[in-house]
Structure formats: C-alpha cells, structure tokens
Amino acid sequence: MEYTNSFSALKNAFLSIDSTSEFDNNEIHKLNFHSSTYNLLHGSGNHHCKTHDLNFEESISFNNDVGTIENDVHIKDVFVTENKDFQYYILKPKGDTPAKKVTFLFHGFNEKNWDKYLPWGKAICDRTKSTVVFFPLAFHMQRAPLQWSEKRKMFELCEQRKKKFPNIINTSLSNVAISMRLHAMPQRFIWSGIQTYYDVIQFIEECKNSKNELIDKDFTFNMFAYSIGGLLAEILKLSNHKNYFSDAKVALFCSGAVFNRITPVSKFIIDSEAIVALYSYLVEHFDSFLKKDEMLHHFMSENHFEGKVFHSMFEYQKMMNFREQLLKKAEKHFYAIALKEDSVIPSYEVVNTLQGANRNINIKVDEIDFDYAYSHENPFPISKFDSKEIDKSFQLVFDKIGDFYNG
C-alpha cells in the first residue's frame, strides 16, 4: 500500500531529520536557503530593481485596517525572518549524488507542513529516479512564523474577525492569519509570488554554479505543482528565464486555471472577506493600481516578462491571446490531472485555461474521479475510507504523472 502505509513513516522520517537521513532506498536532506530578493517586500522602504538598476519608493496603494499590529499578523513582510532564511527538503534515490535529474514540487495555498506531499514526492522519485526538491512558497510552510499557527492566538483573532465581519464565510484558525494579511494588503499576493519566482531562479543558478553538492551543475529538471503552486510553475515555464525552462515538463494536479476562475473560499485556504479584497485588487481594479504604483507597473509590465506572464494569469478574458500563444508554444511540455468533484479549481476551468477558448492548445487534461468522498484540499484522505481505494486512486494519479515525465 504505497500511500497509506508510507504516510506516517515518511512524516516521522522528515520530522526527525537533522541534516540527512535514509528512508526506503531514498535519502532525505534538509538544506538552508537565503532569499536574495526579500527586500522587494513591504516594509523595506526603498526597493531596487537589479535588472534595470532602478530605485522605487515604497507605495501602499491599497490597505485596510482589519486587525491589530500588536498581534504579529501584520508584521512588515521584510521583517519576517523565517521567509528570508529558511530550510527546504530534498528526497533523492540513495547514492545518486550529485543528481542529474530534479523535479521541483510546489505546494498549495495556505499550507503549513509538508505531510501530505511527502508520499507524492516519493512516488515521483520512485517512478522517475529523479531527485525531488520540496520548495516552499513565500510565507508558507517553514517560511511562515510559528505564531501564525498557534491555535490559541489564531482562535482569538478568528473570533475578533467574526465580530468585525459578521457575514464572513469560512474564517477559521487555519486561515485567519493569511486571510487578515491579504485582506489588509492584497498586493502581498503579487510580491510573495514574485519573490518565490526569483527564489527558484536563484536556486537553479546556484546549482548551475556548483553551489549545491547534491545536484550536478548540468542537471535537468521538471516541475510538479498542486493547486496555487501551478500558477508559479506556469509563470516559470512560460517566461522561460534565460531558456532554463525550455525542456522542463510541468505536471499539474488540481491546478492550472487562471485566478478569476477558481473559488478558494475554504476553512483550509482563505476566507470570504480576503478573497473579495483580492478579487477587487487583482481583477476589477488592477489597471488603476498599475497607474498609481510605479514599482508595481515596472515589475508587471514589459520591463519584466515574468511579471507580464503573471499578470496574464489573473483574469481569463484579459491578455488571453498573449497567454494562449505562450501555452500553445509549450503545449507538449504540459499535462494536467483535474478531479471531477474539485470545487476549488473545477476541471472545466483547468480545460478552459490550458486548452484555450477555442480548444486549439494540445495540452492533455485528464479528468478523473475517485470512489470515495474527497476534496480539493484532501484528495487522498487518511483513515477515513478503505485504504485499498485510497491507494488505488493514488497509484492511478502518480502512474499517469510518471508516464508523462518518462515519455
């Protein structure tokens, strides 16, 4: 039983790791990373674009008072030390050093631990003989302060939020911190995304410069992305910085749709007040904010192709031709698996984005269903159903993904 039997064992192996350990013919490594672009974030006062040698004064073009500064939730982004200096994991075939094949694994929104992803990474490692890099998005996983997960403190904030917004939907201990931060400053969605984009580029270039002893400087790589992690993978692939991503394959799981075609209001993702603020900023009024914010305009326009690609993923109708031309060009390198009962990122919206409005983009999207109750947030629930059914579904998904990578 590949999934249910390995879940707890893998979790314990990762929790107990100091710097390196072994598990079932695999090696697990924990390494340090310093983000060199953290100073693009809110709070640094003045920002610098290294590419164009330009300085920008900080602009707070959108801000709501939706919480107190004293609760540490609204700490200025640049001062979140966990987001600047953090650790990431590598799972690799035993003895395969330095690795010549790598798969980046990008997680979903508002994730705080890697537990559910560990068997996913192992399945990819076993099927492709590829080293898997579990790379955290900015302000997620180990890049978020521990106090954002402290139950007592989050309960208090959740109760305050309910009183302030009596019609709020799906606020919870799990999502109150990220919801408050994005509600207050929706532009955090953009800048944390840009930081993560540059972090991945930095990681690749450090490997190419022989600064990672576990990865060969001439390595090749693919990407596996779930949920919002797919947005990062799409931007990386389609912007193709220095042609690093020309041959990279992208497997998307429960992922692939543009922002305004997803419905992420969930106790495990984000609450209704935060998504309204995000939608207002990214979709309804983004052009106005671009005119007001010089730095935002610089990084999200022709000056930075990656920003333009990012912008094209906000709204389905906007920049459609630009987005679809890029997807068409890279069609042979994309593959997506969507789940029939996924209400957060519906399968038909994955098809609409990846195959285009005229269905002339030849990206394969498999819609599958499982013989048990599941959700976007938990496609392979542990201990709720017959483990044989869970394992069967898990194997189906990752056999398809393995075939895509190996094909």
Protein backbone atom coordinates (compact mmCIF):
# COMPACT_ATOMS: atom_id res chain seq x y z
CA MET A 1 0.00 0.00 0.00
CA GLU A 2 2.13 2.77 -1.38
CA TYR A 3 0.29 5.76 0.09
CA THR A 4 -1.45 4.79 3.32
CA ASN A 5 1.41 2.67 4.64
CA SER A 6 4.11 5.20 3.83
CA PHE A 7 2.31 8.34 5.04
CA SER A 8 3.12 8.12 8.76
CA ALA A 9 6.55 6.60 8.23
CA LEU A 10 7.58 9.38 5.84
CA LYS A 11 6.16 12.02 8.16
CA ASN A 12 8.21 10.68 11.06
CA ALA A 13 11.32 10.42 8.91
CA PHE A 14 11.06 14.06 7.87
CA LEU A 15 10.24 15.27 11.38
CA SER A 16 13.24 13.53 12.88
CA ILE A 17 15.77 14.62 10.29
CA ASP A 18 18.68 16.77 11.46
CA SER A 19 20.51 17.30 8.18
CA THR A 20 20.26 13.93 6.43
CA SER A 21 18.64 10.52 6.90
CA GLU A 22 17.54 7.49 4.87
CA PHE A 23 14.14 6.03 4.08
CA ASP A 24 13.33 3.02 1.90
CA ASN A 25 16.27 3.30 -0.53
CA ASN A 26 15.97 7.07 -0.52
CA GLU A 27 17.96 9.82 1.13
CA ILE A 28 16.33 12.81 2.83
CA HIS A 29 18.26 16.04 3.15
CA LYS A 30 17.47 19.33 4.85
CA LEU A 31 19.32 22.35 3.48
CA ASN A 32 19.45 26.09 4.08
CA PHE A 33 18.43 28.82 1.66
CA HIS A 34 18.78 32.59 1.78
CA SER A 35 16.39 34.58 -0.42
CA SER A 36 18.35 37.35 -2.09
CA THR A 37 15.23 39.24 -3.25
CA TYR A 38 13.38 39.53 0.05
CA ASN A 39 13.92 43.31 0.00
CA LEU A 40 11.26 43.63 -2.70
CA LEU A 41 8.71 43.03 0.03
CA HIS A 42 6.62 45.51 2.01
CA GLY A 43 8.48 47.27 4.80
CA SER A 44 11.90 47.90 3.32
CA GLY A 45 11.03 51.50 2.46
CA ASN A 46 13.02 51.75 -0.75
CA HIS A 47 13.21 48.98 -3.35
CA HIS A 48 15.78 48.28 -6.02
CA CYS A 49 15.45 46.53 -9.36
CA LYS A 50 18.82 44.90 -10.05
CA THR A 51 17.94 44.16 -13.67
CA HIS A 52 17.39 47.82 -14.57
CA ASP A 53 19.30 49.48 -11.71
CA LEU A 54 16.24 51.44 -10.64
CA ASN A 55 15.07 52.53 -7.20
CA PHE A 56 11.46 52.79 -6.10
CA GLU A 57 9.89 54.33 -3.05
CA GLU A 58 7.52 52.03 -1.25
CA SER A 59 3.91 52.51 -2.26
CA ILE A 60 0.99 51.30 -0.14
CA SER A 61 -1.64 51.62 -2.83
CA PHE A 62 -4.23 49.52 -1.05
CA ASN A 63 -4.58 48.99 2.67
CA ASN A 64 -7.38 48.06 5.07
CA ASP A 65 -7.34 48.15 8.86
CA VAL A 66 -8.58 44.63 9.50
CA GLY A 67 -6.54 43.72 12.56
CA THR A 68 -4.10 44.98 15.11
CA ILE A 69 -0.40 45.46 14.59
CA GLU A 70 0.32 44.05 18.04
CA ASN A 71 -0.82 40.52 17.17
CA ASP A 72 2.21 39.93 14.89
CA VAL A 73 -0.02 39.03 11.93
CA HIS A 74 0.59 42.41 10.29
CA ILE A 75 4.34 42.40 10.78
CA LYS A 76 6.03 44.08 7.83
CA ASP A 77 6.89 41.41 5.29
CA VAL A 78 10.56 42.27 5.06
CA PHE A 79 10.91 41.59 8.81
CA VAL A 80 9.60 38.02 8.64
CA THR A 81 12.99 36.37 9.10
CA GLU A 82 11.59 32.87 8.50
CA ASN A 83 10.68 33.93 4.97
CA LYS A 84 14.15 35.28 4.25
CA ASP A 85 16.26 32.45 5.65
CA PHE A 86 14.64 29.06 5.59
CA GLN A 87 15.20 25.35 5.09
CA TYR A 88 13.96 23.14 2.28
CA TYR A 89 13.95 19.37 1.74
CA ILE A 90 15.40 17.08 -0.88
CA LEU A 91 14.33 13.47 -1.39
CA LYS A 92 16.63 11.52 -3.68
CA PRO A 93 17.49 7.99 -4.74
CA LYS A 94 20.10 6.60 -2.37
CA GLY A 95 23.66 7.12 -3.57
CA ASP A 96 22.66 9.23 -6.59
CA THR A 97 24.97 12.17 -5.92
CA PRO A 98 25.25 14.59 -7.49
CA ALA A 99 21.77 14.28 -9.02
CA LYS A 100 21.38 14.92 -12.72
CA LYS A 101 17.56 14.80 -12.75
CA VAL A 102 15.47 17.04 -10.50
CA THR A 103 11.74 17.57 -10.01
CA PHE A 104 10.53 20.66 -8.18
CA LEU A 105 7.44 20.07 -6.05
CA PHE A 106 5.30 23.18 -5.48
CA HIS A 107 2.53 23.01 -2.89
CA GLY A 108 -0.87 24.66 -2.46
CA PHE A 109 -2.10 27.85 -0.82
CA ASN A 110 -2.02 28.36 2.97
CA GLU A 111 -0.03 25.18 3.62
CA LYS A 112 1.80 24.86 6.92
CA ASN A 113 3.51 21.45 6.66
CA TRP A 114 4.67 19.02 4.02
CA ASP A 115 2.90 15.93 5.44
CA LYS A 116 0.51 15.17 2.59
CA TYR A 117 3.13 15.93 -0.04
CA LEU A 118 5.78 13.51 1.22
CA PRO A 119 4.25 10.38 -0.38
CA TRP A 120 3.64 12.44 -3.53
CA GLY A 121 7.31 13.33 -3.75
CA LYS A 122 8.38 9.77 -3.04
CA ALA A 123 6.05 8.48 -5.76
CA ILE A 124 7.66 10.85 -8.28
CA CYS A 125 11.15 9.94 -7.07
CA ASP A 126 10.47 6.20 -7.35
CA ARG A 127 8.83 6.40 -10.78
CA THR A 128 11.30 8.75 -12.44
CA LYS A 129 14.54 8.18 -10.47
CA SER A 130 14.55 11.92 -10.04
CA THR A 131 15.64 13.95 -7.05
CA VAL A 132 12.64 15.82 -5.65
CA VAL A 133 13.07 19.32 -4.25
CA PHE A 134 10.29 20.34 -1.83
CA PHE A 135 10.50 24.10 -2.32
CA PRO A 136 8.27 26.30 -0.12
CA LEU A 137 6.39 29.33 -1.42
CA ALA A 138 7.00 32.65 0.33
CA PHE A 139 5.24 32.92 3.71
CA HIS A 140 4.14 29.27 3.55
CA MET A 141 5.39 26.07 5.15
CA GLN A 142 8.55 26.74 7.15
CA ARG A 143 8.69 30.25 5.68
CA ALA A 144 5.81 31.39 7.94
CA PRO A 145 6.31 32.33 11.61
CA LEU A 146 5.19 29.66 14.05
CA GLN A 147 2.85 32.09 15.81
CA TRP A 148 0.67 32.15 12.67
CA SER A 149 -0.18 28.54 13.54
CA GLU A 150 -0.59 28.91 17.31
CA LYS A 151 -4.12 27.68 17.97
CA ARG A 152 -4.93 29.90 20.95
CA LYS A 153 -3.73 33.08 19.28
CA MET A 154 -5.43 32.23 15.99
CA PHE A 155 -8.67 31.40 17.81
CA GLU A 156 -8.67 34.86 19.38
CA LEU A 157 -8.04 36.52 16.03
CA CYS A 158 -10.72 34.39 14.40
CA GLU A 159 -13.30 35.46 16.99
CA GLN A 160 -12.32 39.12 16.52
CA ARG A 161 -12.65 38.75 12.77
CA LYS A 162 -16.12 37.23 13.05
CA LYS A 163 -17.27 40.16 15.21
CA LYS A 164 -15.85 42.73 12.83
CA PHE A 165 -17.26 40.99 9.74
CA PRO A 166 -20.48 39.22 10.86
CA ASN A 167 -21.25 37.97 7.34
CA ILE A 168 -17.83 36.42 6.83
CA ILE A 169 -17.72 32.90 5.40
CA ASN A 170 -15.20 30.18 6.24
CA THR A 171 -12.92 32.08 8.55
CA SER A 172 -11.01 29.60 10.71
CA LEU A 173 -7.99 29.04 12.91
CA SER A 174 -6.25 27.64 9.86
CA ASN A 175 -6.73 30.57 7.52
CA VAL A 176 -7.19 33.64 9.73
CA ALA A 177 -3.55 34.79 9.59
CA ILE A 178 -3.17 34.65 5.82
CA SER A 179 -6.69 35.99 5.29
CA MET A 180 -6.05 39.02 7.50
CA ARG A 181 -2.74 39.75 5.80
CA LEU A 182 -4.15 39.53 2.28
CA HIS A 183 -7.30 41.41 3.24
CA ALA A 184 -5.14 44.24 4.57
CA MET A 185 -2.74 44.26 1.61
CA PRO A 186 -3.84 42.20 -1.42
CA GLN A 187 -0.65 43.17 -3.24
CA ARG A 188 1.12 40.70 -0.95
CA PHE A 189 -0.17 38.00 -3.30
CA ILE A 190 1.88 39.54 -6.11
CA TRP A 191 5.07 40.34 -4.24
CA SER A 192 5.28 36.99 -2.45
CA GLY A 193 4.73 35.31 -5.82
CA ILE A 194 7.47 37.37 -7.43
CA GLN A 195 9.82 36.64 -4.54
CA THR A 196 9.18 32.90 -4.87
CA TYR A 197 9.73 33.11 -8.64
CA TYR A 198 13.13 34.73 -8.10
CA ASP A 199 13.96 32.27 -5.33
CA VAL A 200 13.51 29.35 -7.74
CA ILE A 201 15.67 31.10 -10.34
CA GLN A 202 18.28 31.72 -7.64
CA PHE A 203 18.19 28.05 -6.62
CA ILE A 204 18.68 26.93 -10.23
CA GLU A 205 21.60 29.30 -10.77
CA GLU A 206 23.25 28.26 -7.53
CA CYS A 207 23.08 24.65 -8.71
CA LYS A 208 24.46 25.62 -12.12
CA ASN A 209 27.36 27.32 -10.31
CA SER A 210 28.12 24.13 -8.34
CA LYS A 211 26.91 25.60 -5.05
CA ASN A 212 24.71 22.61 -4.24
CA GLU A 213 26.72 19.46 -3.60
CA LEU A 214 23.65 17.24 -4.05
CA ILE A 215 22.82 18.46 -7.56
CA ASP A 216 25.03 18.29 -10.65
CA LYS A 217 25.71 21.64 -12.30
CA ASP A 218 24.42 20.23 -15.61
CA PHE A 219 21.18 18.91 -14.13
CA THR A 220 17.87 18.80 -15.99
CA PHE A 221 14.58 19.37 -14.22
CA ASN A 222 10.81 19.15 -14.36
CA MET A 223 8.07 20.61 -12.16
CA PHE A 224 5.14 19.06 -10.30
CA ALA A 225 2.63 21.54 -8.96
CA TYR A 226 -0.57 21.31 -6.96
CA SER A 227 -3.26 23.99 -6.59
CA ILE A 228 -1.80 27.54 -6.44
CA GLY A 229 1.68 26.05 -6.92
CA GLY A 230 0.62 25.51 -10.51
CA LEU A 231 0.47 29.27 -11.03
CA LEU A 232 4.14 29.50 -10.06
CA ALA A 233 5.05 26.59 -12.34
CA GLU A 234 3.16 28.14 -15.26
CA ILE A 235 4.88 31.51 -14.82
CA LEU A 236 8.30 29.86 -14.58
CA LYS A 237 7.72 27.73 -17.66
CA LEU A 238 6.07 30.36 -19.85
CA SER A 239 8.51 33.17 -19.02
CA ASN A 240 11.45 30.75 -19.55
CA HIS A 241 14.13 32.86 -17.88
CA LYS A 242 17.44 32.53 -19.80
CA ASN A 243 15.93 29.46 -21.51
CA TYR A 244 16.35 27.46 -18.30
CA PHE A 245 12.85 26.01 -18.69
CA SER A 246 12.87 25.19 -22.41
CA ASP A 247 12.80 21.42 -21.85
CA ALA A 248 11.14 21.34 -18.43
CA LYS A 249 7.93 19.34 -18.21
CA VAL A 250 5.11 20.63 -16.00
CA ALA A 251 2.64 18.23 -14.37
CA LEU A 252 -0.33 20.00 -12.76
CA PHE A 253 -2.57 18.32 -10.19
CA CYS A 254 -5.83 20.07 -9.21
CA SER A 255 -4.32 23.14 -10.82
CA GLY A 256 -3.93 25.20 -13.97
CA ALA A 257 -6.85 27.66 -14.07
CA VAL A 258 -6.40 31.44 -14.06
CA PHE A 259 -7.10 33.28 -10.80
CA ASN A 260 -10.60 34.59 -11.51
CA ARG A 261 -11.83 31.11 -12.42
CA ILE A 262 -11.06 29.48 -9.07
CA THR A 263 -13.15 29.51 -5.87
CA PRO A 264 -10.73 29.18 -2.94
CA VAL A 265 -13.03 30.23 -0.06
CA SER A 266 -12.44 27.40 2.36
CA LYS A 267 -11.64 26.94 6.05
CA PHE A 268 -8.32 25.50 4.90
CA ILE A 269 -7.44 28.14 2.28
CA ILE A 270 -8.84 31.67 2.64
CA ASP A 271 -11.99 33.37 3.93
CA SER A 272 -14.61 35.33 2.02
CA GLU A 273 -13.53 38.84 3.04
CA ALA A 274 -9.97 38.19 1.91
CA ILE A 275 -10.98 36.80 -1.47
CA VAL A 276 -13.25 39.82 -2.10
CA ALA A 277 -10.28 42.11 -1.45
CA LEU A 278 -8.01 40.01 -3.66
CA TYR A 279 -10.55 39.89 -6.46
CA SER A 280 -11.07 43.65 -6.27
CA TYR A 281 -7.34 44.27 -6.45
CA LEU A 282 -6.22 41.66 -9.00
CA VAL A 283 -9.22 41.62 -11.30
CA GLU A 284 -11.62 44.53 -11.00
CA HIS A 285 -9.24 47.45 -10.40
CA PHE A 286 -5.76 46.20 -11.23
CA ASP A 287 -5.25 48.59 -14.15
CA SER A 288 -5.94 51.52 -11.84
CA PHE A 289 -3.45 50.26 -9.28
CA LEU A 290 -0.83 49.85 -12.02
CA LYS A 291 -1.20 53.56 -12.81
CA LYS A 292 -0.81 54.54 -9.16
CA ASP A 293 2.07 52.26 -8.20
CA GLU A 294 5.29 52.88 -10.15
CA MET A 295 7.07 49.82 -8.79
CA LEU A 296 4.10 47.54 -9.47
CA HIS A 297 3.86 48.86 -13.02
CA HIS A 298 7.57 48.27 -13.58
CA PHE A 299 7.55 44.64 -12.41
CA MET A 300 4.22 43.65 -14.00
CA SER A 301 4.73 45.06 -17.50
CA GLU A 302 7.03 44.70 -20.48
CA ASN A 303 10.04 45.56 -18.30
CA HIS A 304 9.80 42.14 -16.63
CA PHE A 305 8.43 39.41 -18.87
CA GLU A 306 7.77 37.17 -15.87
CA GLY A 307 5.55 39.90 -14.41
CA LYS A 308 3.63 40.22 -17.66
CA VAL A 309 3.06 36.45 -17.67
CA PHE A 310 1.93 36.65 -14.04
CA HIS A 311 -0.49 39.45 -14.97
CA SER A 312 -1.95 37.32 -17.76
CA MET A 313 -2.94 34.67 -15.21
CA PHE A 314 -5.23 36.95 -13.20
CA GLU A 315 -8.27 37.17 -15.47
CA TYR A 316 -9.48 34.74 -18.13
CA GLN A 317 -10.56 37.28 -20.76
CA LYS A 318 -7.71 39.72 -20.27
CA MET A 319 -4.45 39.13 -22.17
CA MET A 320 -5.97 35.90 -23.47
CA ASN A 321 -4.14 35.91 -26.80
CA PHE A 322 -0.80 36.55 -25.12
CA ARG A 323 -1.35 33.76 -22.57
CA GLU A 324 -2.66 31.24 -25.07
CA GLN A 325 0.18 31.85 -27.53
CA LEU A 326 2.65 31.00 -24.78
CA LEU A 327 0.71 27.90 -23.75
CA LYS A 328 0.48 26.79 -27.38
CA LYS A 329 4.23 27.16 -27.78
CA ALA A 330 4.86 24.96 -24.72
CA GLU A 331 1.91 22.57 -25.16
CA LYS A 332 3.95 19.38 -25.39
CA HIS A 333 5.52 20.07 -22.00
CA PHE A 334 2.27 20.43 -20.02
CA TYR A 335 -0.01 17.77 -18.56
CA ALA A 336 -2.82 18.20 -16.03
CA ILE A 337 -4.94 15.96 -13.86
CA ALA A 338 -8.18 17.50 -12.62
CA LEU A 339 -10.64 15.94 -10.22
CA LYS A 340 -14.33 15.75 -11.09
CA GLU A 341 -15.52 16.82 -7.63
CA ASP A 342 -12.96 19.59 -7.15
CA SER A 343 -14.95 22.70 -6.22
CA VAL A 344 -11.92 24.96 -5.67
CA ILE A 345 -10.30 24.54 -9.10
CA PRO A 346 -13.00 22.91 -11.26
CA SER A 347 -11.87 20.62 -14.03
CA TYR A 348 -13.70 22.59 -16.72
CA GLU A 349 -11.80 25.74 -15.74
CA VAL A 350 -8.50 23.88 -15.99
CA VAL A 351 -9.53 22.88 -19.52
CA ASN A 352 -10.65 26.43 -20.36
CA THR A 353 -7.25 27.86 -19.40
CA LEU A 354 -4.88 25.15 -20.64
CA GLN A 355 -6.66 24.19 -23.87
CA GLY A 356 -7.77 27.73 -24.70
CA ALA A 357 -11.08 29.33 -25.56
CA ASN A 358 -11.08 27.69 -29.00
CA ARG A 359 -9.67 24.37 -27.72
CA ASN A 360 -6.73 24.72 -30.09
CA ILE A 361 -3.99 24.15 -27.49
CA ASN A 362 -2.99 20.49 -27.35
CA ILE A 363 -2.42 20.16 -23.63
CA LYS A 364 -3.78 16.91 -22.27
CA VAL A 365 -6.09 17.31 -19.29
CA ASP A 366 -7.34 14.11 -17.64
CA GLU A 367 -10.45 14.47 -15.51
CA ILE A 368 -10.68 11.59 -13.07
CA ASP A 369 -12.90 10.67 -10.15
CA PHE A 370 -12.41 8.58 -7.04
CA ASP A 371 -14.78 6.05 -5.45
CA TYR A 372 -14.88 7.89 -2.14
CA ALA A 373 -15.63 11.37 -0.83
CA TYR A 374 -12.66 13.70 -1.32
CA SER A 375 -11.96 17.40 -1.67
CA HIS A 376 -9.52 19.69 -3.41
CA GLU A 377 -7.69 20.17 -0.13
CA ASN A 378 -7.57 16.46 0.68
CA PRO A 379 -7.69 14.22 -2.41
CA PHE A 380 -6.24 11.22 -0.54
CA PRO A 381 -7.78 11.27 2.96
CA ILE A 382 -6.06 9.09 5.51
CA SER A 383 -8.05 6.78 7.84
CA LYS A 384 -11.48 7.78 6.56
CA PHE A 385 -12.09 5.15 3.92
CA ASP A 386 -10.89 1.78 2.72
CA SER A 387 -7.13 2.15 2.40
CA LYS A 388 -7.18 -0.04 -0.74
CA GLU A 389 -9.35 2.54 -2.52
CA ILE A 390 -7.09 5.38 -1.43
CA ASP A 391 -4.00 3.52 -2.60
CA LYS A 392 -5.67 2.65 -5.90
CA SER A 393 -6.50 6.30 -6.60
CA PHE A 394 -3.07 7.47 -5.52
CA GLN A 395 -1.38 4.95 -7.79
CA LEU A 396 -3.61 5.96 -10.72
CA VAL A 397 -2.65 9.62 -10.38
CA PHE A 398 1.08 9.13 -9.97
CA ASP A 399 1.36 6.40 -12.59
CA LYS A 400 -0.05 8.93 -15.07
CA ILE A 401 2.36 11.59 -13.86
CA GLY A 402 5.29 9.18 -14.02
CA ASP A 403 4.34 8.18 -17.57
CA PHE A 404 4.23 11.85 -18.56
CA TYR A 405 7.69 12.56 -17.18
CA ASN A 406 9.20 9.39 -18.61
CA GLY A 407 7.53 9.70 -22.01
